[in-house]
Amino acid sequence: MKRVLAFPPDTKVEWKSHDSSIQQRTAIEESRRDKTGNRKSQQRDHAPSSYPTGGPDDAKQGGTGVLGAS
């Protein structure tokens, strides 16, 4: 098979059942999701906030930055 597909001689071919292949793929996807999720939460934790109580209009209108508050 390696010869027919023209793989280099040192290529390793691994045979897996369908279920095993799906399990491995799921584990890889979860690992990637965890990594990107951690990066997003770290960025969110360290992002500077120009308006700690709400948006820029809150200061102009005397608002509290909380919906429904008067």
Protein backbone atom coordinates (compact mmCIF):
# COMPACT_ATOMS: atom_id res chain seq x y z
CA MET A 1 0.00 0.00 0.00
CA LYS A 2 2.84 2.44 0.81
CA ARG A 3 4.30 1.80 -2.63
CA VAL A 4 0.98 2.34 -4.41
CA LEU A 5 0.38 5.61 -2.54
CA ALA A 6 4.01 6.63 -3.02
CA PHE A 7 4.69 7.18 0.68
CA PRO A 8 8.30 7.66 1.77
CA PRO A 9 9.86 4.40 3.00
CA ASP A 10 10.00 5.56 6.65
CA THR A 11 6.25 6.39 6.77
CA LYS A 12 4.30 4.57 9.47
CA VAL A 13 0.75 3.54 8.66
CA GLU A 14 -1.61 2.90 11.56
CA TRP A 15 -4.85 0.96 11.21
CA LYS A 16 -7.72 1.74 13.56
CA SER A 17 -11.32 0.76 13.88
CA HIS A 18 -13.88 3.43 13.06
CA ASP A 19 -14.86 3.82 16.73
CA SER A 20 -11.25 4.22 17.82
CA SER A 21 -10.65 6.82 15.13
CA ILE A 22 -13.73 8.82 16.20
CA GLN A 23 -12.64 8.68 19.85
CA GLN A 24 -9.19 10.02 18.96
CA ARG A 25 -10.66 12.79 16.82
CA THR A 26 -13.04 13.80 19.63
CA ALA A 27 -10.17 13.94 22.13
CA ILE A 28 -8.13 16.14 19.77
CA GLU A 29 -11.06 18.50 19.21
CA GLU A 30 -11.73 18.78 22.96
CA SER A 31 -8.08 19.52 23.60
CA ARG A 32 -8.12 22.29 21.00
CA ARG A 33 -11.33 23.72 22.46
CA ASP A 34 -9.81 23.73 25.95
CA LYS A 35 -6.72 25.55 24.69
CA THR A 36 -8.69 28.22 22.84
CA GLY A 37 -11.13 28.55 25.74
CA ASN A 38 -8.25 29.15 28.14
CA ARG A 39 -6.74 31.78 25.86
CA LYS A 40 -10.06 33.63 25.55
CA SER A 41 -10.66 33.66 29.31
CA GLN A 42 -7.10 34.88 29.93
CA GLN A 43 -7.56 37.67 27.41
CA ARG A 44 -10.89 38.58 28.99
CA ASP A 45 -9.37 38.60 32.49
CA HIS A 46 -6.52 40.89 31.44
CA ALA A 47 -8.41 43.21 29.11
CA PRO A 48 -8.44 46.81 30.32
CA SER A 49 -11.84 48.33 30.88
CA SER A 50 -12.37 51.97 29.99
CA TYR A 51 -15.88 51.98 31.42
CA PRO A 52 -16.01 49.81 34.55
CA THR A 53 -19.68 50.53 35.29
CA GLY A 54 -21.07 50.35 31.77
CA GLY A 55 -20.81 52.03 28.41
CA PRO A 56 -19.58 55.51 27.51
CA ASP A 57 -23.11 56.94 27.63
CA ASP A 58 -23.54 56.06 31.31
CA ALA A 59 -21.24 58.86 32.43
CA LYS A 60 -23.05 61.38 30.22
CA GLN A 61 -26.52 60.34 31.40
CA GLY A 62 -25.67 59.74 35.03
CA GLY A 63 -26.54 56.04 34.72
CA THR A 64 -25.33 53.26 36.95
CA GLY A 65 -24.34 50.84 34.22
CA VAL A 66 -26.97 48.36 35.40
CA LEU A 67 -30.08 47.75 33.36
CA GLY A 68 -33.30 48.56 35.12
CA ALA A 69 -31.66 50.75 37.78
CA SER A 70 -32.79 54.35 38.18
